[in-house]
Amino acid sequence: MAIKVGINGFGRIGRNVFRAAQGKNAIDIVAVND
């Protein structure tokens, strides 16, 4: 079962978290609040 993650802010750190999570099957990005 994947962990559902929401990113609050798509700045430098938000983009890096998104890129890191793309390669992982255990993490689902469900929301991005910009």
Protein backbone atom coordinates (compact mmCIF):
# COMPACT_ATOMS: atom_id res chain seq x y z
CA MET A 1 0.00 0.00 0.00
CA ALA A 2 1.43 3.35 -1.05
CA ILE A 3 1.75 6.38 1.18
CA LYS A 4 -0.39 9.27 -0.06
CA VAL A 5 1.41 12.61 0.00
CA GLY A 6 0.21 16.16 -0.63
CA ILE A 7 2.77 18.86 -1.44
CA ASN A 8 2.08 22.32 -0.05
CA GLY A 9 3.99 24.65 -2.34
CA PHE A 10 5.75 23.84 -5.59
CA GLY A 11 8.90 25.87 -5.05
CA ARG A 12 12.42 24.50 -4.90
CA ILE A 13 11.74 21.95 -2.16
CA GLY A 14 8.31 20.93 -3.49
CA ARG A 15 9.73 20.22 -6.94
CA ASN A 16 12.57 18.18 -5.47
CA VAL A 17 10.16 16.11 -3.37
CA PHE A 18 7.97 15.54 -6.44
CA ARG A 19 10.94 14.38 -8.53
CA ALA A 20 12.15 12.06 -5.78
CA ALA A 21 8.67 10.57 -5.33
CA GLN A 22 8.19 9.89 -9.06
CA GLY A 23 10.67 7.04 -8.99
CA LYS A 24 9.17 5.39 -5.90
CA ASN A 25 6.29 2.92 -6.06
CA ALA A 26 5.59 3.34 -2.35
CA ILE A 27 4.59 7.04 -2.64
CA ASP A 28 1.56 8.55 -4.40
CA ILE A 29 1.38 12.31 -4.92
CA VAL A 30 -2.32 13.07 -4.53
CA ALA A 31 -2.35 16.88 -4.34
CA VAL A 32 -0.14 19.87 -5.06
CA ASN A 33 -1.09 23.23 -3.58
CA ASP A 34 0.79 26.06 -5.26
